[in-house]
Amino acid sequence: MNLRRIYQKLLPIPKDYEDIAFIVKAHWSELIPQVLLALLLSAIPVGAYFFISRYEPGLLQTAWLPLVVILGGSAWYLFVLLLFFTNFTDFFLDVWIVTNERIITIHQLGLFARTIIQTRLYQVQDVKTVVQGALHSMVGFGNVVVETAGTDGKLIFDNIPHPNDVARKIMELVEADRKYHGEKLQMMNFEDRPRIIDDGA
């Protein structure tokens, strides 16, 4: 089962005619600070060992130090692993889903909470891209801001790859949705008009 089918089943209140147009996730560079933080924290026990061996070598000959190293090191690396896993979960489960009916943003908050915001395509008023800095321009990622007529006012796709392409695809879906609803309203209005029936009298 591919990723599209998995997200299709996770759509809030899915409709039979609703299909996922595309799925957007944050650029991989968003994970770099978390990886660097994990590597830095992992290096602390190693640095502490070399510091002790150089300035306090007598401590290495004590009977209790190996126990402290094993217990303390295990607890420390468990903390580092849990911290990285939490940050990776936030990164991996943050997703923007665009269907032929609506835009859905899913923001993971820690391990056990998430925020889901959705708006209909016909509520979209404007779509703009924001690319700031040389790194963003060279690597090719930025933000897409979707201004809506809803209560939240805007949806922000944070640090996603190819923001211009995403904005163009959203606008194409918005125009197609407006055209569909416009034709539907015209048909409804035509059906509601009073008709003159000539019975030949």
N, C-alpha and C. Protein backbone atom coordinates (compact mmCIF):
# COMPACT_ATOMS: atom_id res chain seq x y z
N MET A 1 0.86 -1.20 0.00
CA MET A 1 0.00 0.00 0.00
C MET A 1 0.89 1.24 0.00
N ASN A 2 0.66 2.15 -0.95
CA ASN A 2 1.50 3.34 -1.04
C ASN A 2 1.04 4.42 -0.08
N LEU A 3 1.86 5.48 -0.01
CA LEU A 3 1.59 6.56 0.95
C LEU A 3 0.28 7.28 0.66
N ARG A 4 -0.04 7.45 -0.61
CA ARG A 4 -1.26 8.15 -0.98
C ARG A 4 -2.50 7.43 -0.45
N ARG A 5 -2.52 6.10 -0.55
CA ARG A 5 -3.67 5.33 -0.06
C ARG A 5 -3.78 5.38 1.45
N ILE A 6 -2.62 5.41 2.13
CA ILE A 6 -2.65 5.51 3.59
C ILE A 6 -3.28 6.83 4.01
N TYR A 7 -2.83 7.95 3.41
CA TYR A 7 -3.38 9.25 3.75
C TYR A 7 -4.84 9.38 3.32
N GLN A 8 -5.22 8.67 2.25
CA GLN A 8 -6.62 8.70 1.82
C GLN A 8 -7.53 8.18 2.91
N LYS A 9 -7.07 7.15 3.63
CA LYS A 9 -7.87 6.59 4.72
C LYS A 9 -7.84 7.45 5.98
N LEU A 10 -6.83 8.31 6.09
CA LEU A 10 -6.70 9.16 7.27
C LEU A 10 -7.37 10.53 7.11
N LEU A 11 -7.98 10.79 5.95
CA LEU A 11 -8.63 12.08 5.75
C LEU A 11 -9.78 12.26 6.74
N PRO A 12 -9.87 13.43 7.39
CA PRO A 12 -11.02 13.68 8.27
C PRO A 12 -12.31 13.82 7.47
N ILE A 13 -13.30 13.03 7.82
CA ILE A 13 -14.61 13.01 7.15
C ILE A 13 -14.41 12.89 5.63
N PRO A 14 -13.85 11.78 5.16
CA PRO A 14 -13.62 11.64 3.72
C PRO A 14 -14.92 11.51 2.94
N LYS A 15 -14.88 11.96 1.71
CA LYS A 15 -16.03 11.85 0.80
C LYS A 15 -15.70 10.86 -0.31
N ASP A 16 -16.72 10.27 -0.86
CA ASP A 16 -16.51 9.25 -1.88
C ASP A 16 -15.83 9.81 -3.13
N TYR A 17 -16.17 11.06 -3.48
CA TYR A 17 -15.63 11.65 -4.70
C TYR A 17 -14.33 12.40 -4.47
N GLU A 18 -13.84 12.42 -3.24
CA GLU A 18 -12.63 13.19 -2.91
C GLU A 18 -11.38 12.35 -3.15
N ASP A 19 -10.47 12.90 -3.91
CA ASP A 19 -9.19 12.25 -4.20
C ASP A 19 -8.05 13.18 -3.82
N ILE A 20 -6.96 12.59 -3.34
CA ILE A 20 -5.78 13.37 -2.99
C ILE A 20 -5.06 13.79 -4.27
N ALA A 21 -4.87 15.10 -4.42
CA ALA A 21 -4.15 15.62 -5.58
C ALA A 21 -2.64 15.50 -5.38
N PHE A 22 -2.15 15.93 -4.23
CA PHE A 22 -0.74 15.75 -3.89
C PHE A 22 -0.54 15.92 -2.39
N ILE A 23 0.60 15.43 -1.92
CA ILE A 23 0.97 15.47 -0.50
C ILE A 23 2.29 16.22 -0.39
N VAL A 24 2.37 17.12 0.56
CA VAL A 24 3.57 17.94 0.74
C VAL A 24 4.12 17.74 2.15
N LYS A 25 5.44 17.55 2.21
CA LYS A 25 6.11 17.46 3.50
C LYS A 25 7.24 18.48 3.55
N ALA A 26 7.71 18.77 4.74
CA ALA A 26 8.78 19.76 4.90
C ALA A 26 10.07 19.26 4.26
N HIS A 27 10.90 20.20 3.84
CA HIS A 27 12.18 19.87 3.23
C HIS A 27 13.07 19.14 4.24
N TRP A 28 13.89 18.22 3.73
CA TRP A 28 14.73 17.40 4.61
C TRP A 28 15.72 18.24 5.43
N SER A 29 16.04 19.43 4.95
CA SER A 29 16.99 20.28 5.68
C SER A 29 16.44 20.70 7.05
N GLU A 30 15.12 20.61 7.24
CA GLU A 30 14.54 20.94 8.53
C GLU A 30 15.00 19.99 9.62
N LEU A 31 15.46 18.80 9.23
CA LEU A 31 15.90 17.80 10.21
C LEU A 31 17.37 17.95 10.58
N ILE A 32 18.12 18.75 9.84
CA ILE A 32 19.55 18.88 10.09
C ILE A 32 19.85 19.41 11.50
N PRO A 33 19.19 20.48 12.00
CA PRO A 33 19.49 20.94 13.36
C PRO A 33 19.23 19.86 14.42
N GLN A 34 18.21 19.03 14.21
CA GLN A 34 17.93 17.98 15.18
C GLN A 34 19.02 16.91 15.17
N VAL A 35 19.53 16.59 13.98
CA VAL A 35 20.62 15.61 13.88
C VAL A 35 21.88 16.15 14.53
N LEU A 36 22.20 17.42 14.27
CA LEU A 36 23.38 18.03 14.87
C LEU A 36 23.26 18.09 16.39
N LEU A 37 22.06 18.40 16.89
CA LEU A 37 21.85 18.43 18.34
C LEU A 37 22.06 17.04 18.95
N ALA A 38 21.54 16.01 18.30
CA ALA A 38 21.71 14.64 18.81
C ALA A 38 23.17 14.23 18.81
N LEU A 39 23.91 14.60 17.75
CA LEU A 39 25.33 14.27 17.70
C LEU A 39 26.11 15.00 18.78
N LEU A 40 25.77 16.26 19.01
CA LEU A 40 26.45 17.04 20.05
C LEU A 40 26.19 16.45 21.43
N LEU A 41 24.94 16.11 21.72
CA LEU A 41 24.62 15.52 23.02
C LEU A 41 25.26 14.15 23.18
N SER A 42 25.36 13.40 22.08
CA SER A 42 25.98 12.07 22.15
C SER A 42 27.48 12.16 22.43
N ALA A 43 28.10 13.26 22.03
CA ALA A 43 29.54 13.41 22.22
C ALA A 43 29.90 13.85 23.64
N ILE A 44 28.94 14.30 24.42
CA ILE A 44 29.24 14.79 25.77
C ILE A 44 29.82 13.70 26.67
N PRO A 45 29.24 12.50 26.77
CA PRO A 45 29.84 11.46 27.63
C PRO A 45 31.27 11.08 27.19
N VAL A 46 31.50 11.03 25.88
CA VAL A 46 32.83 10.71 25.38
C VAL A 46 33.82 11.80 25.77
N GLY A 47 33.39 13.05 25.62
CA GLY A 47 34.24 14.16 26.03
C GLY A 47 34.51 14.15 27.53
N ALA A 48 33.50 13.80 28.32
CA ALA A 48 33.69 13.73 29.77
C ALA A 48 34.70 12.64 30.14
N TYR A 49 34.66 11.52 29.44
CA TYR A 49 35.61 10.43 29.73
C TYR A 49 37.04 10.86 29.43
N PHE A 50 37.27 11.52 28.29
CA PHE A 50 38.62 11.96 27.96
C PHE A 50 39.09 13.07 28.90
N PHE A 51 38.15 13.90 29.37
CA PHE A 51 38.50 14.94 30.33
C PHE A 51 38.97 14.33 31.65
N ILE A 52 38.23 13.31 32.12
CA ILE A 52 38.60 12.65 33.38
C ILE A 52 39.92 11.90 33.23
N SER A 53 40.09 11.21 32.10
CA SER A 53 41.32 10.44 31.92
C SER A 53 42.56 11.33 31.84
N ARG A 54 42.36 12.58 31.44
CA ARG A 54 43.52 13.48 31.32
C ARG A 54 43.80 14.23 32.61
N TYR A 55 42.74 14.73 33.27
CA TYR A 55 42.93 15.59 34.43
C TYR A 55 42.73 14.88 35.76
N GLU A 56 41.95 13.81 35.78
CA GLU A 56 41.72 13.05 37.02
C GLU A 56 41.83 11.55 36.74
N PRO A 57 43.00 11.08 36.33
CA PRO A 57 43.13 9.66 35.97
C PRO A 57 42.91 8.72 37.16
N GLY A 58 43.05 9.22 38.35
CA GLY A 58 42.85 8.37 39.52
C GLY A 58 41.42 7.89 39.66
N LEU A 59 40.47 8.68 39.17
CA LEU A 59 39.07 8.27 39.26
C LEU A 59 38.78 7.01 38.46
N LEU A 60 39.58 6.78 37.41
CA LEU A 60 39.33 5.61 36.57
C LEU A 60 39.70 4.31 37.27
N GLN A 61 40.47 4.42 38.36
CA GLN A 61 40.88 3.22 39.08
C GLN A 61 39.91 2.85 40.21
N THR A 62 38.92 3.70 40.46
CA THR A 62 37.97 3.41 41.54
C THR A 62 36.99 2.33 41.11
N ALA A 63 36.40 1.67 42.13
CA ALA A 63 35.50 0.55 41.85
C ALA A 63 34.11 1.02 41.45
N TRP A 64 33.73 2.23 41.89
CA TRP A 64 32.36 2.68 41.63
C TRP A 64 32.20 3.39 40.29
N LEU A 65 33.31 3.85 39.70
CA LEU A 65 33.19 4.62 38.47
C LEU A 65 32.61 3.81 37.30
N PRO A 66 33.00 2.55 37.08
CA PRO A 66 32.38 1.80 35.97
C PRO A 66 30.86 1.70 36.10
N LEU A 67 30.37 1.54 37.34
CA LEU A 67 28.92 1.47 37.53
C LEU A 67 28.25 2.79 37.19
N VAL A 68 28.88 3.89 37.60
CA VAL A 68 28.34 5.21 37.28
C VAL A 68 28.35 5.44 35.77
N VAL A 69 29.43 5.02 35.12
CA VAL A 69 29.54 5.21 33.67
C VAL A 69 28.46 4.42 32.95
N ILE A 70 28.24 3.18 33.37
CA ILE A 70 27.25 2.34 32.70
C ILE A 70 25.85 2.88 32.90
N LEU A 71 25.49 3.17 34.17
CA LEU A 71 24.14 3.66 34.44
C LEU A 71 23.92 5.06 33.89
N GLY A 72 24.87 5.96 34.15
CA GLY A 72 24.72 7.33 33.68
C GLY A 72 24.76 7.42 32.17
N GLY A 73 25.68 6.69 31.54
CA GLY A 73 25.76 6.71 30.08
C GLY A 73 24.51 6.15 29.43
N SER A 74 23.99 5.05 30.01
CA SER A 74 22.77 4.46 29.45
C SER A 74 21.59 5.42 29.55
N ALA A 75 21.46 6.06 30.72
CA ALA A 75 20.36 7.02 30.90
C ALA A 75 20.52 8.21 29.96
N TRP A 76 21.75 8.67 29.79
CA TRP A 76 21.99 9.83 28.93
C TRP A 76 21.67 9.52 27.47
N TYR A 77 22.15 8.38 26.98
CA TYR A 77 21.89 8.03 25.58
C TYR A 77 20.42 7.68 25.34
N LEU A 78 19.75 7.17 26.36
CA LEU A 78 18.31 6.94 26.23
C LEU A 78 17.58 8.27 26.10
N PHE A 79 18.02 9.27 26.88
CA PHE A 79 17.43 10.61 26.78
C PHE A 79 17.67 11.21 25.40
N VAL A 80 18.90 11.08 24.89
CA VAL A 80 19.22 11.62 23.56
C VAL A 80 18.39 10.94 22.48
N LEU A 81 18.24 9.62 22.59
CA LEU A 81 17.46 8.87 21.60
C LEU A 81 16.00 9.28 21.65
N LEU A 82 15.44 9.45 22.85
CA LEU A 82 14.05 9.87 22.99
C LEU A 82 13.84 11.27 22.44
N LEU A 83 14.79 12.17 22.71
CA LEU A 83 14.68 13.55 22.21
C LEU A 83 14.71 13.56 20.68
N PHE A 84 15.63 12.81 20.09
CA PHE A 84 15.72 12.78 18.62
C PHE A 84 14.47 12.13 18.02
N PHE A 85 13.98 11.06 18.65
CA PHE A 85 12.79 10.40 18.14
C PHE A 85 11.59 11.33 18.19
N THR A 86 11.47 12.12 19.25
CA THR A 86 10.36 13.08 19.36
C THR A 86 10.45 14.14 18.27
N ASN A 87 11.65 14.68 18.06
CA ASN A 87 11.83 15.69 17.01
C ASN A 87 11.61 15.11 15.62
N PHE A 88 12.07 13.87 15.41
CA PHE A 88 11.86 13.23 14.12
C PHE A 88 10.38 12.97 13.87
N THR A 89 9.65 12.59 14.92
CA THR A 89 8.21 12.36 14.79
C THR A 89 7.50 13.64 14.40
N ASP A 90 7.88 14.76 15.04
CA ASP A 90 7.30 16.06 14.68
C ASP A 90 7.56 16.38 13.21
N PHE A 91 8.79 16.11 12.76
CA PHE A 91 9.15 16.39 11.37
C PHE A 91 8.42 15.47 10.40
N PHE A 92 8.39 14.19 10.70
CA PHE A 92 7.86 13.20 9.75
C PHE A 92 6.35 13.27 9.63
N LEU A 93 5.65 13.54 10.74
CA LEU A 93 4.19 13.51 10.72
C LEU A 93 3.56 14.85 10.39
N ASP A 94 4.37 15.90 10.27
CA ASP A 94 3.83 17.17 9.76
C ASP A 94 3.61 17.02 8.26
N VAL A 95 2.39 17.23 7.82
CA VAL A 95 2.08 16.99 6.41
C VAL A 95 0.96 17.93 5.97
N TRP A 96 0.99 18.29 4.69
CA TRP A 96 -0.06 19.09 4.08
C TRP A 96 -0.66 18.24 2.96
N ILE A 97 -1.96 18.05 3.00
CA ILE A 97 -2.66 17.23 2.02
C ILE A 97 -3.59 18.13 1.22
N VAL A 98 -3.47 18.09 -0.08
CA VAL A 98 -4.32 18.88 -0.96
C VAL A 98 -5.14 17.90 -1.80
N THR A 99 -6.46 18.01 -1.69
CA THR A 99 -7.36 17.16 -2.45
C THR A 99 -8.09 18.00 -3.49
N ASN A 100 -8.98 17.37 -4.22
CA ASN A 100 -9.79 18.12 -5.18
C ASN A 100 -10.93 18.86 -4.52
N GLU A 101 -10.99 18.83 -3.17
CA GLU A 101 -12.07 19.47 -2.43
C GLU A 101 -11.57 20.45 -1.38
N ARG A 102 -10.41 20.17 -0.78
CA ARG A 102 -9.96 21.00 0.35
C ARG A 102 -8.45 20.88 0.55
N ILE A 103 -7.95 21.73 1.46
CA ILE A 103 -6.55 21.71 1.88
C ILE A 103 -6.53 21.36 3.36
N ILE A 104 -5.72 20.38 3.73
CA ILE A 104 -5.66 19.90 5.11
C ILE A 104 -4.22 20.00 5.60
N THR A 105 -4.02 20.66 6.74
CA THR A 105 -2.70 20.73 7.35
C THR A 105 -2.74 19.92 8.65
N ILE A 106 -1.74 19.07 8.81
CA ILE A 106 -1.63 18.24 10.01
C ILE A 106 -0.29 18.55 10.66
N HIS A 107 -0.33 19.11 11.86
CA HIS A 107 0.87 19.45 12.61
C HIS A 107 0.95 18.56 13.84
N GLN A 108 2.01 17.77 13.92
CA GLN A 108 2.22 16.91 15.07
C GLN A 108 2.82 17.72 16.20
N LEU A 109 2.28 17.56 17.40
CA LEU A 109 2.76 18.28 18.59
C LEU A 109 3.23 17.24 19.60
N GLY A 110 4.53 16.94 19.56
CA GLY A 110 5.03 15.90 20.44
C GLY A 110 4.64 14.52 19.91
N LEU A 111 4.56 13.56 20.84
CA LEU A 111 4.26 12.19 20.43
C LEU A 111 2.78 11.87 20.42
N PHE A 112 1.99 12.60 21.19
CA PHE A 112 0.61 12.17 21.40
C PHE A 112 -0.42 13.26 21.10
N ALA A 113 -0.05 14.29 20.40
CA ALA A 113 -1.02 15.36 20.09
C ALA A 113 -0.75 15.88 18.69
N ARG A 114 -1.81 16.34 18.04
CA ARG A 114 -1.68 16.92 16.71
C ARG A 114 -2.79 17.93 16.49
N THR A 115 -2.53 18.85 15.58
CA THR A 115 -3.51 19.85 15.20
C THR A 115 -3.83 19.68 13.73
N ILE A 116 -5.12 19.63 13.40
CA ILE A 116 -5.56 19.47 12.02
C ILE A 116 -6.42 20.67 11.65
N ILE A 117 -6.02 21.37 10.58
CA ILE A 117 -6.76 22.52 10.08
C ILE A 117 -7.09 22.24 8.62
N GLN A 118 -8.31 22.52 8.23
CA GLN A 118 -8.70 22.29 6.84
C GLN A 118 -9.54 23.45 6.33
N THR A 119 -9.45 23.66 5.05
CA THR A 119 -10.25 24.70 4.41
C THR A 119 -10.68 24.21 3.03
N ARG A 120 -11.85 24.65 2.60
CA ARG A 120 -12.35 24.28 1.28
C ARG A 120 -11.62 25.09 0.20
N LEU A 121 -11.49 24.50 -0.95
CA LEU A 121 -10.79 25.19 -2.03
C LEU A 121 -11.50 26.47 -2.44
N TYR A 122 -12.83 26.48 -2.38
CA TYR A 122 -13.54 27.69 -2.80
C TYR A 122 -13.35 28.84 -1.81
N GLN A 123 -12.79 28.55 -0.61
CA GLN A 123 -12.51 29.61 0.36
C GLN A 123 -11.15 30.26 0.13
N VAL A 124 -10.33 29.68 -0.72
CA VAL A 124 -8.99 30.23 -0.97
C VAL A 124 -9.10 31.52 -1.77
N GLN A 125 -8.49 32.57 -1.24
CA GLN A 125 -8.52 33.88 -1.89
C GLN A 125 -7.23 34.21 -2.61
N ASP A 126 -6.11 33.78 -2.04
CA ASP A 126 -4.84 34.11 -2.65
C ASP A 126 -3.80 33.10 -2.19
N VAL A 127 -2.80 32.86 -3.04
CA VAL A 127 -1.70 31.95 -2.74
C VAL A 127 -0.40 32.66 -3.10
N LYS A 128 0.53 32.72 -2.16
CA LYS A 128 1.81 33.36 -2.45
C LYS A 128 2.95 32.53 -1.87
N THR A 129 4.13 32.69 -2.45
CA THR A 129 5.31 31.98 -1.99
C THR A 129 6.28 32.96 -1.34
N VAL A 130 7.00 32.47 -0.35
CA VAL A 130 7.99 33.28 0.35
C VAL A 130 9.29 32.48 0.39
N VAL A 131 10.31 32.96 -0.31
CA VAL A 131 11.63 32.33 -0.32
C VAL A 131 12.63 33.37 0.15
N GLN A 132 13.23 33.14 1.30
CA GLN A 132 14.13 34.13 1.90
C GLN A 132 15.50 33.51 2.12
N GLY A 133 16.52 34.23 1.75
CA GLY A 133 17.88 33.80 2.01
C GLY A 133 18.50 33.04 0.85
N ALA A 134 19.84 33.05 0.83
CA ALA A 134 20.58 32.40 -0.25
C ALA A 134 20.42 30.89 -0.19
N LEU A 135 20.42 30.32 1.03
CA LEU A 135 20.30 28.86 1.16
C LEU A 135 18.96 28.38 0.63
N HIS A 136 17.89 29.09 0.98
CA HIS A 136 16.57 28.71 0.49
C HIS A 136 16.51 28.76 -1.04
N SER A 137 17.13 29.79 -1.61
CA SER A 137 17.09 29.94 -3.07
C SER A 137 17.92 28.86 -3.76
N MET A 138 19.09 28.53 -3.20
CA MET A 138 19.95 27.54 -3.84
C MET A 138 19.39 26.13 -3.71
N VAL A 139 18.92 25.79 -2.53
CA VAL A 139 18.40 24.44 -2.30
C VAL A 139 17.01 24.29 -2.90
N GLY A 140 16.24 25.38 -2.92
CA GLY A 140 14.92 25.33 -3.54
C GLY A 140 13.81 24.98 -2.60
N PHE A 141 13.73 25.67 -1.46
CA PHE A 141 12.59 25.47 -0.57
C PHE A 141 12.20 26.80 0.06
N GLY A 142 10.95 26.86 0.52
CA GLY A 142 10.43 28.08 1.10
C GLY A 142 9.03 27.84 1.65
N ASN A 143 8.31 28.92 1.86
CA ASN A 143 6.96 28.83 2.42
C ASN A 143 5.92 29.13 1.35
N VAL A 144 4.77 28.51 1.51
CA VAL A 144 3.60 28.83 0.70
C VAL A 144 2.50 29.30 1.65
N VAL A 145 2.01 30.51 1.43
CA VAL A 145 0.98 31.10 2.28
C VAL A 145 -0.33 31.09 1.51
N VAL A 146 -1.31 30.38 2.06
CA VAL A 146 -2.64 30.29 1.43
C VAL A 146 -3.59 31.15 2.26
N GLU A 147 -4.03 32.26 1.70
CA GLU A 147 -4.96 33.14 2.38
C GLU A 147 -6.38 32.69 2.06
N THR A 148 -7.16 32.54 3.13
CA THR A 148 -8.51 31.99 2.97
C THR A 148 -9.54 32.94 3.56
N ALA A 149 -10.81 32.62 3.27
CA ALA A 149 -11.92 33.39 3.82
C ALA A 149 -12.42 32.77 5.12
N GLY A 150 -11.71 31.77 5.63
CA GLY A 150 -12.13 31.10 6.86
C GLY A 150 -11.77 31.89 8.09
N THR A 151 -12.01 31.29 9.25
CA THR A 151 -11.76 31.97 10.52
C THR A 151 -10.28 32.12 10.80
N ASP A 152 -9.44 31.18 10.34
CA ASP A 152 -8.01 31.25 10.62
C ASP A 152 -7.30 32.27 9.73
N GLY A 153 -7.86 32.57 8.58
CA GLY A 153 -7.29 33.59 7.72
C GLY A 153 -6.23 33.10 6.76
N LYS A 154 -5.34 32.21 7.19
CA LYS A 154 -4.30 31.73 6.30
C LYS A 154 -3.78 30.36 6.76
N LEU A 155 -3.30 29.62 5.79
CA LEU A 155 -2.60 28.36 6.03
C LEU A 155 -1.18 28.52 5.51
N ILE A 156 -0.21 28.06 6.28
CA ILE A 156 1.19 28.22 5.90
C ILE A 156 1.84 26.86 5.74
N PHE A 157 2.38 26.63 4.55
CA PHE A 157 3.18 25.44 4.28
C PHE A 157 4.63 25.82 4.62
N ASP A 158 5.13 25.35 5.75
CA ASP A 158 6.44 25.79 6.23
C ASP A 158 7.58 25.00 5.59
N ASN A 159 8.52 25.75 4.99
CA ASN A 159 9.77 25.18 4.49
C ASN A 159 9.57 23.91 3.67
N ILE A 160 8.84 24.03 2.59
CA ILE A 160 8.56 22.89 1.72
C ILE A 160 9.39 23.00 0.45
N PRO A 161 9.72 21.88 -0.19
CA PRO A 161 10.46 21.94 -1.45
C PRO A 161 9.58 22.42 -2.59
N HIS A 162 10.18 23.12 -3.54
CA HIS A 162 9.52 23.61 -4.75
C HIS A 162 8.23 24.38 -4.44
N PRO A 163 8.32 25.46 -3.67
CA PRO A 163 7.10 26.19 -3.27
C PRO A 163 6.34 26.79 -4.44
N ASN A 164 7.05 27.22 -5.48
CA ASN A 164 6.35 27.81 -6.63
C ASN A 164 5.49 26.79 -7.35
N ASP A 165 6.00 25.57 -7.49
CA ASP A 165 5.21 24.52 -8.12
C ASP A 165 3.98 24.17 -7.29
N VAL A 166 4.17 24.13 -5.96
CA VAL A 166 3.04 23.83 -5.08
C VAL A 166 1.97 24.90 -5.17
N ALA A 167 2.40 26.17 -5.17
CA ALA A 167 1.43 27.27 -5.28
C ALA A 167 0.68 27.22 -6.61
N ARG A 168 1.39 26.90 -7.69
CA ARG A 168 0.73 26.81 -9.00
C ARG A 168 -0.30 25.68 -9.01
N LYS A 169 0.05 24.53 -8.45
CA LYS A 169 -0.89 23.41 -8.43
C LYS A 169 -2.12 23.74 -7.59
N ILE A 170 -1.91 24.44 -6.46
CA ILE A 170 -3.06 24.82 -5.63
C ILE A 170 -3.99 25.74 -6.39
N MET A 171 -3.44 26.73 -7.08
CA MET A 171 -4.27 27.66 -7.83
C MET A 171 -5.02 26.96 -8.96
N GLU A 172 -4.39 25.99 -9.60
CA GLU A 172 -5.08 25.23 -10.64
C GLU A 172 -6.27 24.47 -10.06
N LEU A 173 -6.07 23.86 -8.88
CA LEU A 173 -7.18 23.15 -8.23
C LEU A 173 -8.28 24.10 -7.80
N VAL A 174 -7.87 25.28 -7.31
CA VAL A 174 -8.86 26.28 -6.88
C VAL A 174 -9.71 26.73 -8.07
N GLU A 175 -9.05 27.03 -9.19
CA GLU A 175 -9.79 27.46 -10.38
C GLU A 175 -10.72 26.35 -10.88
N ALA A 176 -10.25 25.10 -10.86
CA ALA A 176 -11.10 24.00 -11.30
C ALA A 176 -12.29 23.82 -10.36
N ASP A 177 -12.06 24.01 -9.06
CA ASP A 177 -13.15 23.87 -8.09
C ASP A 177 -14.18 24.99 -8.26
N ARG A 178 -13.70 26.20 -8.49
CA ARG A 178 -14.63 27.32 -8.69
C ARG A 178 -15.44 27.14 -9.96
N LYS A 179 -14.79 26.65 -11.00
CA LYS A 179 -15.50 26.40 -12.25
C LYS A 179 -16.58 25.35 -12.05
N TYR A 180 -16.24 24.30 -11.31
CA TYR A 180 -17.21 23.23 -11.06
C TYR A 180 -18.41 23.73 -10.27
N HIS A 181 -18.12 24.49 -9.18
CA HIS A 181 -19.22 25.00 -8.37
C HIS A 181 -20.03 26.06 -9.12
N GLY A 182 -19.35 26.85 -9.98
CA GLY A 182 -20.09 27.84 -10.77
C GLY A 182 -21.06 27.18 -11.73
N GLU A 183 -20.60 26.13 -12.42
CA GLU A 183 -21.49 25.42 -13.32
C GLU A 183 -22.63 24.74 -12.56
N LYS A 184 -22.32 24.25 -11.36
CA LYS A 184 -23.35 23.60 -10.56
C LYS A 184 -24.41 24.60 -10.12
N LEU A 185 -23.98 25.81 -9.73
CA LEU A 185 -24.94 26.84 -9.32
C LEU A 185 -25.80 27.29 -10.50
N GLN A 186 -25.18 27.40 -11.67
CA GLN A 186 -25.95 27.78 -12.86
C GLN A 186 -27.02 26.74 -13.17
N MET A 187 -26.68 25.48 -13.04
CA MET A 187 -27.65 24.42 -13.29
C MET A 187 -28.78 24.46 -12.28
N MET A 188 -28.41 24.73 -11.00
CA MET A 188 -29.44 24.80 -9.96
C MET A 188 -30.36 25.98 -10.20
N ASN A 189 -29.79 27.12 -10.58
CA ASN A 189 -30.61 28.29 -10.84
C ASN A 189 -31.52 28.07 -12.05
N PHE A 190 -31.00 27.39 -13.05
CA PHE A 190 -31.82 27.12 -14.24
C PHE A 190 -32.98 26.19 -13.90
N GLU A 191 -32.70 25.21 -13.03
CA GLU A 191 -33.76 24.27 -12.66
C GLU A 191 -34.81 24.93 -11.77
N ASP A 192 -34.38 25.97 -11.01
CA ASP A 192 -35.31 26.63 -10.09
C ASP A 192 -36.17 27.69 -10.78
N ARG A 193 -35.83 28.06 -12.01
CA ARG A 193 -36.60 29.10 -12.69
C ARG A 193 -38.01 28.58 -13.01
N PRO A 194 -38.99 29.45 -12.86
CA PRO A 194 -40.36 29.02 -13.21
C PRO A 194 -40.48 28.79 -14.70
N ARG A 195 -41.10 27.72 -15.07
CA ARG A 195 -41.27 27.38 -16.48
C ARG A 195 -42.70 27.66 -16.92
N ILE A 196 -42.88 28.15 -18.15
CA ILE A 196 -44.18 28.40 -18.72
C ILE A 196 -44.60 27.18 -19.52
N ILE A 197 -45.68 26.61 -19.14
CA ILE A 197 -46.16 25.40 -19.80
C ILE A 197 -47.39 25.76 -20.62
N ASP A 198 -47.29 25.53 -21.89
CA ASP A 198 -48.40 25.79 -22.79
C ASP A 198 -49.15 24.47 -23.05
N ASP A 199 -50.34 24.41 -22.48
CA ASP A 199 -51.11 23.17 -22.63
C ASP A 199 -52.07 23.23 -23.82
N GLY A 200 -51.93 24.32 -24.64
CA GLY A 200 -52.75 24.42 -25.83
C GLY A 200 -54.12 25.01 -25.61
N ALA A 201 -54.36 25.51 -24.41
CA ALA A 201 -55.69 26.06 -24.11
C ALA A 201 -55.83 27.44 -24.69
